[in-house]
Amino acid sequence: MDFTEPYFNFLLALATLYERIFIEDSLEVARHRFAVVAGDIAIEKIRALHPTIDLVVVENNIVELKKVHNSKVLGYIGAQGAAVVSLKSNNMDELAVTGSIRIYIK
C-alpha cells in the first residue's frame, strides 16, 4: 500500500527554438520528440505522465540542445538550471526555455 504523498516535486524545463510559443504542462507535448539525458531520474516519470511523448535519449545536454537546434527533436526536457547554463555557454541564442513539466518523486 502507498500512503505517502509525493515528498519532492519540481519543474523540468522544456527548451525549444526561440520562436516556439510557450508550451504549457499539458497534452501540447504529446506525440512530439524530445531529447533527454541518459540516466536522468525524470525519464521514468515523464513516460508515466506523458506516455505519448517520444523521448530520444542522448549522452548530455549539449547533444540534446544541438538536436533541438537542428530540428531533430521538438525540444529538450531537463533541469532548468542545466538548460539555461548550456544555452548561454554554447551561444545557442535561437533556443529558449519555453515551457515546463512538473514531476513528483516519492
N, C-alpha and C. Protein backbone atom coordinates (compact mmCIF):
# COMPACT_ATOMS: atom_id res chain seq x y z
N MET A 1 0.83 -1.17 0.00
CA MET A 1 0.00 0.00 0.00
C MET A 1 0.88 1.24 0.00
N ASP A 2 0.34 2.30 -0.56
CA ASP A 2 1.10 3.53 -0.72
C ASP A 2 0.33 4.68 -0.06
N PHE A 3 0.74 5.05 1.16
CA PHE A 3 0.03 6.09 1.89
C PHE A 3 0.73 7.44 1.88
N THR A 4 1.95 7.49 1.36
CA THR A 4 2.69 8.75 1.44
C THR A 4 2.36 9.65 0.25
N GLU A 5 2.41 10.93 0.53
CA GLU A 5 2.29 11.93 -0.52
C GLU A 5 3.66 12.10 -1.16
N PRO A 6 3.69 12.61 -2.40
CA PRO A 6 4.99 12.90 -3.00
C PRO A 6 5.77 13.84 -2.09
N TYR A 7 7.05 13.56 -1.87
CA TYR A 7 7.81 14.41 -0.99
C TYR A 7 8.77 15.31 -1.72
N PHE A 8 8.81 15.20 -3.03
CA PHE A 8 9.65 16.10 -3.82
C PHE A 8 8.98 16.33 -5.15
N ASN A 9 8.78 17.57 -5.51
CA ASN A 9 8.26 17.86 -6.85
C ASN A 9 9.05 19.02 -7.42
N PHE A 10 9.23 18.99 -8.70
CA PHE A 10 9.99 20.05 -9.35
C PHE A 10 9.57 20.18 -10.80
N LEU A 11 9.93 21.32 -11.36
CA LEU A 11 9.63 21.59 -12.76
C LEU A 11 10.82 21.24 -13.62
N LEU A 12 10.57 20.52 -14.68
CA LEU A 12 11.58 20.27 -15.69
C LEU A 12 11.38 21.30 -16.80
N ALA A 13 12.46 21.83 -17.29
CA ALA A 13 12.38 22.82 -18.36
C ALA A 13 12.15 22.15 -19.71
N LEU A 14 11.40 22.83 -20.55
CA LEU A 14 11.26 22.45 -21.95
C LEU A 14 11.95 23.53 -22.76
N ALA A 15 13.05 23.19 -23.41
CA ALA A 15 13.77 24.16 -24.24
C ALA A 15 13.48 23.84 -25.70
N THR A 16 13.09 24.86 -26.45
CA THR A 16 12.76 24.70 -27.87
C THR A 16 13.36 25.87 -28.63
N LEU A 17 13.13 25.89 -29.94
CA LEU A 17 13.54 27.06 -30.71
C LEU A 17 12.82 28.28 -30.16
N TYR A 18 13.50 29.41 -30.16
CA TYR A 18 13.01 30.62 -29.53
C TYR A 18 11.64 31.06 -30.03
N GLU A 19 11.38 30.88 -31.32
CA GLU A 19 10.10 31.35 -31.87
C GLU A 19 8.92 30.47 -31.49
N ARG A 20 9.18 29.35 -30.88
CA ARG A 20 8.12 28.44 -30.46
C ARG A 20 7.30 29.09 -29.34
N ILE A 21 6.00 29.00 -29.43
CA ILE A 21 5.17 29.58 -28.38
C ILE A 21 5.37 28.80 -27.08
N PHE A 22 5.04 29.42 -25.98
CA PHE A 22 5.20 28.80 -24.67
C PHE A 22 4.40 27.50 -24.60
N ILE A 23 5.03 26.45 -24.13
CA ILE A 23 4.39 25.14 -24.01
C ILE A 23 3.96 24.95 -22.57
N GLU A 24 2.67 24.81 -22.36
CA GLU A 24 2.15 24.56 -21.02
C GLU A 24 2.35 23.09 -20.66
N ASP A 25 2.28 22.79 -19.38
CA ASP A 25 2.36 21.41 -18.90
C ASP A 25 1.03 20.74 -19.25
N SER A 26 0.92 20.23 -20.45
CA SER A 26 -0.34 19.67 -20.92
C SER A 26 -0.08 18.70 -22.06
N LEU A 27 -1.13 18.38 -22.76
CA LEU A 27 -1.01 17.47 -23.89
C LEU A 27 -0.38 18.11 -25.11
N GLU A 28 0.01 19.39 -25.02
CA GLU A 28 0.68 20.04 -26.14
C GLU A 28 1.97 19.31 -26.52
N VAL A 29 2.56 18.62 -25.56
CA VAL A 29 3.82 17.92 -25.83
C VAL A 29 3.59 16.52 -26.39
N ALA A 30 2.34 16.07 -26.36
CA ALA A 30 2.04 14.70 -26.81
C ALA A 30 2.43 14.51 -28.27
N ARG A 31 2.91 13.32 -28.55
CA ARG A 31 3.26 12.89 -29.90
C ARG A 31 4.40 13.70 -30.52
N HIS A 32 5.19 14.35 -29.72
CA HIS A 32 6.36 15.07 -30.22
C HIS A 32 7.62 14.40 -29.68
N ARG A 33 8.73 14.64 -30.36
CA ARG A 33 10.02 14.09 -29.94
C ARG A 33 10.75 15.11 -29.08
N PHE A 34 11.22 14.64 -27.91
CA PHE A 34 12.01 15.46 -27.01
C PHE A 34 13.26 14.70 -26.62
N ALA A 35 14.38 15.40 -26.52
CA ALA A 35 15.63 14.79 -26.08
C ALA A 35 15.73 14.88 -24.56
N VAL A 36 16.27 13.82 -23.96
CA VAL A 36 16.54 13.77 -22.52
C VAL A 36 17.91 13.13 -22.32
N VAL A 37 18.58 13.48 -21.22
CA VAL A 37 19.90 12.93 -20.94
C VAL A 37 19.77 11.52 -20.38
N ALA A 38 20.59 10.61 -20.88
CA ALA A 38 20.60 9.22 -20.40
C ALA A 38 20.81 9.19 -18.89
N GLY A 39 20.05 8.34 -18.23
CA GLY A 39 20.18 8.16 -16.79
C GLY A 39 19.44 9.17 -15.95
N ASP A 40 18.77 10.13 -16.58
CA ASP A 40 18.02 11.15 -15.82
C ASP A 40 16.89 10.46 -15.06
N ILE A 41 16.79 10.74 -13.77
CA ILE A 41 15.77 10.13 -12.92
C ILE A 41 14.35 10.47 -13.40
N ALA A 42 14.22 11.56 -14.12
CA ALA A 42 12.90 12.02 -14.57
C ALA A 42 12.35 11.25 -15.77
N ILE A 43 13.17 10.50 -16.48
CA ILE A 43 12.72 9.80 -17.69
C ILE A 43 11.53 8.90 -17.39
N GLU A 44 11.64 8.10 -16.37
CA GLU A 44 10.57 7.18 -15.98
C GLU A 44 9.28 7.95 -15.66
N LYS A 45 9.42 9.05 -14.93
CA LYS A 45 8.26 9.86 -14.55
C LYS A 45 7.62 10.53 -15.76
N ILE A 46 8.44 11.03 -16.67
CA ILE A 46 7.91 11.67 -17.89
C ILE A 46 7.12 10.65 -18.70
N ARG A 47 7.69 9.47 -18.86
CA ARG A 47 7.00 8.42 -19.63
C ARG A 47 5.68 8.01 -18.97
N ALA A 48 5.65 8.01 -17.65
CA ALA A 48 4.42 7.64 -16.95
C ALA A 48 3.35 8.73 -17.08
N LEU A 49 3.77 9.99 -16.97
CA LEU A 49 2.82 11.10 -17.05
C LEU A 49 2.38 11.43 -18.48
N HIS A 50 3.29 11.27 -19.42
CA HIS A 50 3.02 11.64 -20.82
C HIS A 50 3.48 10.49 -21.73
N PRO A 51 2.74 9.38 -21.75
CA PRO A 51 3.20 8.20 -22.50
C PRO A 51 3.28 8.39 -24.01
N THR A 52 2.67 9.43 -24.55
CA THR A 52 2.73 9.63 -26.00
C THR A 52 3.93 10.47 -26.44
N ILE A 53 4.70 11.00 -25.48
CA ILE A 53 5.91 11.74 -25.85
C ILE A 53 6.96 10.73 -26.33
N ASP A 54 7.60 11.04 -27.42
CA ASP A 54 8.70 10.22 -27.94
C ASP A 54 10.00 10.77 -27.38
N LEU A 55 10.57 10.08 -26.39
CA LEU A 55 11.82 10.53 -25.77
C LEU A 55 13.02 9.96 -26.50
N VAL A 56 13.93 10.84 -26.89
CA VAL A 56 15.18 10.46 -27.53
C VAL A 56 16.27 10.62 -26.48
N VAL A 57 16.85 9.52 -26.06
CA VAL A 57 17.86 9.55 -25.00
C VAL A 57 19.22 9.85 -25.62
N VAL A 58 19.89 10.90 -25.09
CA VAL A 58 21.20 11.32 -25.60
C VAL A 58 22.20 11.36 -24.44
N GLU A 59 23.47 11.55 -24.78
CA GLU A 59 24.51 11.44 -23.77
C GLU A 59 24.69 12.65 -22.86
N ASN A 60 24.33 13.86 -23.32
CA ASN A 60 24.50 15.04 -22.47
C ASN A 60 23.66 16.22 -22.98
N ASN A 61 23.65 17.31 -22.21
CA ASN A 61 22.84 18.48 -22.54
C ASN A 61 23.22 19.10 -23.88
N ILE A 62 24.49 19.12 -24.20
CA ILE A 62 24.93 19.75 -25.44
C ILE A 62 24.38 18.99 -26.64
N VAL A 63 24.44 17.67 -26.59
CA VAL A 63 23.87 16.86 -27.68
C VAL A 63 22.38 17.12 -27.79
N GLU A 64 21.70 17.20 -26.65
CA GLU A 64 20.26 17.49 -26.65
C GLU A 64 19.95 18.79 -27.36
N LEU A 65 20.65 19.83 -26.95
CA LEU A 65 20.36 21.16 -27.50
C LEU A 65 20.72 21.26 -28.98
N LYS A 66 21.76 20.56 -29.40
CA LYS A 66 22.09 20.55 -30.83
C LYS A 66 21.00 19.87 -31.63
N LYS A 67 20.40 18.82 -31.07
CA LYS A 67 19.29 18.15 -31.76
C LYS A 67 18.09 19.08 -31.90
N VAL A 68 17.84 19.89 -30.88
CA VAL A 68 16.75 20.88 -30.96
C VAL A 68 17.10 21.90 -32.04
N HIS A 69 18.32 22.42 -31.98
CA HIS A 69 18.77 23.43 -32.93
C HIS A 69 18.67 22.93 -34.38
N ASN A 70 18.98 21.67 -34.59
CA ASN A 70 18.95 21.09 -35.95
C ASN A 70 17.58 20.49 -36.29
N SER A 71 16.59 20.74 -35.45
CA SER A 71 15.21 20.28 -35.66
C SER A 71 15.08 18.76 -35.73
N LYS A 72 15.96 18.04 -35.06
CA LYS A 72 15.85 16.58 -34.96
C LYS A 72 14.79 16.20 -33.93
N VAL A 73 14.59 17.07 -32.95
CA VAL A 73 13.56 16.90 -31.92
C VAL A 73 12.89 18.26 -31.71
N LEU A 74 11.67 18.24 -31.17
CA LEU A 74 10.98 19.50 -30.90
C LEU A 74 11.65 20.27 -29.77
N GLY A 75 12.13 19.54 -28.76
CA GLY A 75 12.72 20.23 -27.64
C GLY A 75 13.53 19.33 -26.73
N TYR A 76 14.03 19.94 -25.67
CA TYR A 76 14.84 19.29 -24.65
C TYR A 76 14.04 19.31 -23.36
N ILE A 77 14.04 18.22 -22.62
CA ILE A 77 13.42 18.19 -21.30
C ILE A 77 14.50 17.88 -20.29
N GLY A 78 14.65 18.74 -19.29
CA GLY A 78 15.66 18.51 -18.27
C GLY A 78 15.64 19.59 -17.22
N ALA A 79 16.60 19.54 -16.34
CA ALA A 79 16.70 20.51 -15.25
C ALA A 79 16.85 21.91 -15.81
N GLN A 80 16.09 22.83 -15.26
CA GLN A 80 16.08 24.19 -15.78
C GLN A 80 17.46 24.84 -15.70
N GLY A 81 18.13 24.69 -14.58
CA GLY A 81 19.46 25.28 -14.42
C GLY A 81 20.44 24.78 -15.47
N ALA A 82 20.43 23.47 -15.70
CA ALA A 82 21.32 22.88 -16.70
C ALA A 82 20.99 23.40 -18.09
N ALA A 83 19.72 23.55 -18.39
CA ALA A 83 19.30 24.04 -19.70
C ALA A 83 19.79 25.46 -19.93
N VAL A 84 19.57 26.33 -18.95
CA VAL A 84 19.96 27.74 -19.10
C VAL A 84 21.47 27.87 -19.23
N VAL A 85 22.22 27.17 -18.39
CA VAL A 85 23.69 27.25 -18.45
C VAL A 85 24.19 26.73 -19.79
N SER A 86 23.65 25.63 -20.25
CA SER A 86 24.08 25.06 -21.54
C SER A 86 23.75 26.00 -22.70
N LEU A 87 22.59 26.60 -22.68
CA LEU A 87 22.20 27.54 -23.73
C LEU A 87 23.16 28.72 -23.78
N LYS A 88 23.42 29.31 -22.62
CA LYS A 88 24.27 30.50 -22.57
C LYS A 88 25.73 30.19 -22.88
N SER A 89 26.25 29.11 -22.34
CA SER A 89 27.67 28.81 -22.52
C SER A 89 27.99 28.31 -23.93
N ASN A 90 26.98 27.92 -24.68
CA ASN A 90 27.21 27.44 -26.05
C ASN A 90 26.63 28.38 -27.10
N ASN A 91 26.30 29.60 -26.68
CA ASN A 91 25.80 30.64 -27.59
C ASN A 91 24.65 30.16 -28.47
N MET A 92 23.71 29.48 -27.87
CA MET A 92 22.54 28.99 -28.60
C MET A 92 21.39 29.96 -28.39
N ASP A 93 21.57 31.18 -28.88
CA ASP A 93 20.59 32.24 -28.66
C ASP A 93 19.25 31.99 -29.35
N GLU A 94 19.22 31.10 -30.32
CA GLU A 94 17.97 30.81 -31.02
C GLU A 94 17.11 29.80 -30.26
N LEU A 95 17.61 29.30 -29.12
CA LEU A 95 16.86 28.39 -28.27
C LEU A 95 16.51 29.09 -26.96
N ALA A 96 15.41 28.66 -26.36
CA ALA A 96 15.00 29.25 -25.09
C ALA A 96 14.15 28.25 -24.31
N VAL A 97 14.06 28.45 -23.00
CA VAL A 97 13.14 27.65 -22.18
C VAL A 97 11.74 28.20 -22.47
N THR A 98 10.89 27.36 -23.04
CA THR A 98 9.56 27.80 -23.48
C THR A 98 8.43 27.08 -22.77
N GLY A 99 8.76 26.30 -21.76
CA GLY A 99 7.70 25.59 -21.04
C GLY A 99 8.28 24.75 -19.92
N SER A 100 7.40 23.94 -19.33
CA SER A 100 7.83 23.10 -18.22
C SER A 100 6.90 21.91 -18.04
N ILE A 101 7.41 20.90 -17.35
CA ILE A 101 6.62 19.73 -16.95
C ILE A 101 6.90 19.53 -15.47
N ARG A 102 5.85 19.43 -14.66
CA ARG A 102 6.03 19.16 -13.23
C ARG A 102 6.02 17.66 -12.99
N ILE A 103 7.01 17.18 -12.23
CA ILE A 103 7.02 15.77 -11.85
C ILE A 103 7.14 15.67 -10.34
N TYR A 104 6.69 14.54 -9.83
CA TYR A 104 6.69 14.26 -8.40
C TYR A 104 7.51 13.00 -8.13
N ILE A 105 8.35 13.06 -7.13
CA ILE A 105 9.19 11.92 -6.74
C ILE A 105 8.80 11.51 -5.33
N LYS A 106 8.57 10.22 -5.13
CA LYS A 106 8.27 9.70 -3.79
C LYS A 106 9.51 9.07 -3.22
